């Protein structure tokens, strides 16, 4: 899958739910349709809840992969819908 360079990036690895989704949502609200946001997040609740919530709000999850150099940390790529 061709993934363009993200327009914005945020790191929510030090945040806990529900702030993980709140910070992601606030960042997406500053972006225009079609732009790409890269979110760095940890395992557990954020990994389960953020992708689901983003999809429910009408945005597209493009990719979700574990960052090989940092086990337990993931990169979520979202296209604003």
N, C-alpha and C. Protein backbone atom coordinates (compact mmCIF):
# COMPACT_ATOMS: atom_id res chain seq x y z
N UNK A 1 0.84 -1.18 0.00
CA UNK A 1 0.00 0.00 0.00
C UNK A 1 0.89 1.24 0.00
N UNK A 2 0.57 2.17 -0.84
CA UNK A 2 1.34 3.41 -0.93
C UNK A 2 0.85 4.39 0.14
N UNK A 3 1.73 4.72 1.05
CA UNK A 3 1.39 5.65 2.12
C UNK A 3 2.24 6.88 1.96
N UNK A 4 1.57 8.03 1.80
CA UNK A 4 2.33 9.25 1.61
C UNK A 4 2.93 9.72 2.94
N UNK A 5 3.88 10.62 2.85
CA UNK A 5 4.48 11.20 4.03
C UNK A 5 3.39 11.90 4.84
N UNK A 6 3.34 11.65 6.15
CA UNK A 6 2.27 12.27 6.94
C UNK A 6 2.36 13.79 6.96
N UNK A 7 1.19 14.42 7.00
CA UNK A 7 1.12 15.88 7.08
C UNK A 7 1.39 16.35 8.50
N UNK A 8 1.02 15.53 9.47
CA UNK A 8 1.19 15.85 10.89
C UNK A 8 1.58 14.57 11.62
N UNK A 9 2.24 14.74 12.78
CA UNK A 9 2.60 13.61 13.63
C UNK A 9 2.34 13.99 15.08
N UNK A 10 1.87 13.00 15.85
CA UNK A 10 1.77 13.19 17.30
C UNK A 10 2.23 11.92 18.00
N UNK A 11 2.72 12.08 19.21
CA UNK A 11 3.17 10.96 20.02
C UNK A 11 2.30 10.94 21.28
N UNK A 12 1.51 9.88 21.44
CA UNK A 12 0.63 9.78 22.60
C UNK A 12 1.04 8.61 23.49
N UNK A 13 2.28 8.18 23.39
CA UNK A 13 2.74 7.03 24.17
C UNK A 13 2.73 7.30 25.67
N UNK A 14 2.84 8.55 26.09
CA UNK A 14 2.84 8.86 27.52
C UNK A 14 1.46 9.24 28.06
N UNK A 15 0.44 9.19 27.20
CA UNK A 15 -0.92 9.55 27.60
C UNK A 15 -1.71 8.29 27.94
N UNK A 16 -2.76 8.45 28.73
CA UNK A 16 -3.65 7.34 29.07
C UNK A 16 -5.05 7.66 28.55
N UNK A 17 -5.84 6.61 28.34
CA UNK A 17 -7.21 6.79 27.89
C UNK A 17 -7.98 7.56 28.96
N UNK A 18 -8.86 8.49 28.61
CA UNK A 18 -9.30 8.79 27.25
C UNK A 18 -8.46 9.86 26.55
N UNK A 19 -7.40 10.35 27.18
CA UNK A 19 -6.61 11.43 26.56
C UNK A 19 -5.96 10.99 25.25
N UNK A 20 -5.69 9.71 25.09
CA UNK A 20 -5.09 9.25 23.84
C UNK A 20 -5.99 9.59 22.66
N UNK A 21 -7.28 9.28 22.79
CA UNK A 21 -8.19 9.59 21.70
C UNK A 21 -8.46 11.08 21.61
N UNK A 22 -8.58 11.76 22.75
CA UNK A 22 -8.85 13.20 22.75
C UNK A 22 -7.75 13.94 22.00
N UNK A 23 -6.50 13.64 22.29
CA UNK A 23 -5.39 14.31 21.60
C UNK A 23 -5.39 14.00 20.11
N UNK A 24 -5.69 12.74 19.75
CA UNK A 24 -5.76 12.36 18.34
C UNK A 24 -6.88 13.12 17.64
N UNK A 25 -8.05 13.16 18.27
CA UNK A 25 -9.21 13.85 17.68
C UNK A 25 -8.93 15.34 17.51
N UNK A 26 -8.35 15.97 18.53
CA UNK A 26 -8.05 17.41 18.44
C UNK A 26 -7.08 17.69 17.29
N UNK A 27 -6.09 16.84 17.11
CA UNK A 27 -5.13 17.04 16.02
C UNK A 27 -5.84 16.86 14.68
N UNK A 28 -6.68 15.84 14.55
CA UNK A 28 -7.40 15.62 13.29
C UNK A 28 -8.32 16.80 12.96
N UNK A 29 -8.89 17.44 13.98
CA UNK A 29 -9.79 18.57 13.74
C UNK A 29 -9.05 19.78 13.16
N UNK A 30 -7.73 19.84 13.32
CA UNK A 30 -6.97 20.95 12.75
C UNK A 30 -6.56 20.67 11.30
N UNK A 31 -6.85 19.47 10.82
CA UNK A 31 -6.40 19.05 9.50
C UNK A 31 -7.55 19.11 8.50
N UNK A 32 -7.19 19.10 7.21
CA UNK A 32 -8.21 19.11 6.17
C UNK A 32 -8.40 17.70 5.61
N UNK A 33 -9.56 17.49 4.99
CA UNK A 33 -9.90 16.18 4.43
C UNK A 33 -8.79 15.69 3.50
N UNK A 34 -8.41 14.43 3.67
CA UNK A 34 -7.39 13.82 2.83
C UNK A 34 -5.98 13.90 3.40
N UNK A 35 -5.78 14.76 4.40
CA UNK A 35 -4.45 14.84 5.01
C UNK A 35 -4.21 13.59 5.85
N UNK A 36 -2.92 13.30 6.09
CA UNK A 36 -2.52 12.09 6.79
C UNK A 36 -1.87 12.45 8.13
N UNK A 37 -2.32 11.76 9.19
CA UNK A 37 -1.77 11.93 10.53
C UNK A 37 -1.09 10.63 10.95
N UNK A 38 0.13 10.76 11.46
CA UNK A 38 0.84 9.60 12.00
C UNK A 38 0.83 9.72 13.52
N UNK A 39 0.31 8.69 14.18
CA UNK A 39 0.20 8.68 15.65
C UNK A 39 1.08 7.57 16.19
N UNK A 40 1.94 7.91 17.15
CA UNK A 40 2.74 6.91 17.84
C UNK A 40 2.03 6.61 19.15
N UNK A 41 1.72 5.33 19.39
CA UNK A 41 0.96 4.97 20.58
C UNK A 41 1.46 3.66 21.16
N UNK A 42 1.11 3.44 22.41
CA UNK A 42 1.53 2.22 23.10
C UNK A 42 0.50 1.12 22.99
N UNK A 43 0.87 -0.05 23.50
CA UNK A 43 -0.01 -1.21 23.49
C UNK A 43 -1.11 -1.03 24.54
N UNK A 44 -2.04 -1.98 24.59
CA UNK A 44 -3.11 -1.94 25.58
C UNK A 44 -4.30 -1.16 25.09
N UNK A 45 -4.91 -0.38 26.00
CA UNK A 45 -6.13 0.35 25.67
C UNK A 45 -5.97 1.29 24.48
N UNK A 46 -4.89 2.09 24.40
CA UNK A 46 -4.77 2.98 23.24
C UNK A 46 -4.75 2.21 21.91
N UNK A 47 -4.07 1.09 21.88
CA UNK A 47 -3.97 0.30 20.65
C UNK A 47 -5.33 -0.24 20.24
N UNK A 48 -6.15 -0.57 21.21
CA UNK A 48 -7.48 -1.09 20.93
C UNK A 48 -8.47 0.04 20.63
N UNK A 49 -8.44 1.10 21.43
CA UNK A 49 -9.48 2.13 21.37
C UNK A 49 -9.27 3.20 20.31
N UNK A 50 -8.05 3.68 20.12
CA UNK A 50 -7.84 4.80 19.21
C UNK A 50 -8.22 4.44 17.76
N UNK A 51 -7.72 3.33 17.21
CA UNK A 51 -8.11 3.00 15.82
C UNK A 51 -9.63 2.83 15.66
N UNK A 52 -10.25 2.17 16.63
CA UNK A 52 -11.71 1.97 16.56
C UNK A 52 -12.45 3.31 16.60
N UNK A 53 -12.07 4.17 17.52
CA UNK A 53 -12.73 5.47 17.67
C UNK A 53 -12.54 6.35 16.44
N UNK A 54 -11.34 6.33 15.87
CA UNK A 54 -11.05 7.11 14.68
C UNK A 54 -11.97 6.68 13.53
N UNK A 55 -12.10 5.37 13.36
CA UNK A 55 -12.96 4.83 12.30
C UNK A 55 -14.41 5.22 12.55
N UNK A 56 -14.87 5.13 13.81
CA UNK A 56 -16.25 5.49 14.14
C UNK A 56 -16.53 6.96 13.86
N UNK A 57 -15.50 7.81 13.94
CA UNK A 57 -15.67 9.25 13.70
C UNK A 57 -15.58 9.59 12.20
N UNK A 58 -15.34 8.58 11.34
CA UNK A 58 -15.38 8.81 9.91
C UNK A 58 -14.03 8.98 9.23
N UNK A 59 -12.95 8.75 9.97
CA UNK A 59 -11.62 8.82 9.36
C UNK A 59 -11.16 7.41 9.01
N UNK A 60 -10.12 7.30 8.18
CA UNK A 60 -9.66 6.00 7.70
C UNK A 60 -8.33 5.61 8.31
N UNK A 61 -8.28 4.40 8.87
CA UNK A 61 -7.01 3.84 9.33
C UNK A 61 -6.32 3.25 8.11
N UNK A 62 -5.17 3.81 7.77
CA UNK A 62 -4.42 3.35 6.60
C UNK A 62 -3.51 2.19 6.98
N UNK A 63 -2.86 2.33 8.14
CA UNK A 63 -1.88 1.33 8.54
C UNK A 63 -1.74 1.35 10.05
N UNK A 64 -1.48 0.19 10.63
CA UNK A 64 -1.16 0.06 12.05
C UNK A 64 -0.07 -0.98 12.15
N UNK A 65 1.14 -0.54 12.51
CA UNK A 65 2.28 -1.46 12.58
C UNK A 65 3.07 -1.21 13.87
N UNK A 66 3.67 -2.29 14.36
CA UNK A 66 4.55 -2.15 15.51
C UNK A 66 5.88 -1.59 15.05
N UNK A 67 6.43 -0.68 15.82
CA UNK A 67 7.73 -0.10 15.50
C UNK A 67 8.80 -1.08 15.98
N UNK A 68 9.53 -1.66 15.05
CA UNK A 68 10.46 -2.74 15.35
C UNK A 68 11.50 -2.34 16.39
N UNK A 69 11.97 -1.10 16.33
CA UNK A 69 13.02 -0.65 17.24
C UNK A 69 12.51 -0.40 18.66
N UNK A 70 11.19 -0.30 18.82
CA UNK A 70 10.61 0.01 20.13
C UNK A 70 9.45 -0.97 20.38
N UNK A 71 9.74 -2.19 20.82
CA UNK A 71 8.68 -3.18 21.04
C UNK A 71 7.59 -2.63 21.97
N UNK A 72 6.33 -2.92 21.62
CA UNK A 72 5.21 -2.45 22.41
C UNK A 72 4.75 -1.05 22.03
N UNK A 73 5.40 -0.48 21.01
CA UNK A 73 5.01 0.84 20.51
C UNK A 73 4.59 0.69 19.05
N UNK A 74 3.53 1.40 18.69
CA UNK A 74 2.93 1.23 17.37
C UNK A 74 2.81 2.56 16.64
N UNK A 75 2.78 2.47 15.31
CA UNK A 75 2.56 3.63 14.45
C UNK A 75 1.22 3.44 13.76
N UNK A 76 0.31 4.37 14.02
CA UNK A 76 -1.02 4.36 13.43
C UNK A 76 -1.08 5.49 12.40
N UNK A 77 -1.41 5.14 11.17
CA UNK A 77 -1.50 6.15 10.11
C UNK A 77 -2.97 6.32 9.75
N UNK A 78 -3.42 7.57 9.82
CA UNK A 78 -4.84 7.89 9.63
C UNK A 78 -4.99 8.90 8.50
N UNK A 79 -5.97 8.68 7.60
CA UNK A 79 -6.32 9.69 6.60
C UNK A 79 -7.63 10.34 7.05
N UNK A 80 -7.60 11.66 7.16
CA UNK A 80 -8.79 12.40 7.59
C UNK A 80 -9.89 12.25 6.55
N UNK A 81 -11.06 11.84 7.01
CA UNK A 81 -12.18 11.64 6.10
C UNK A 81 -13.03 12.87 5.93
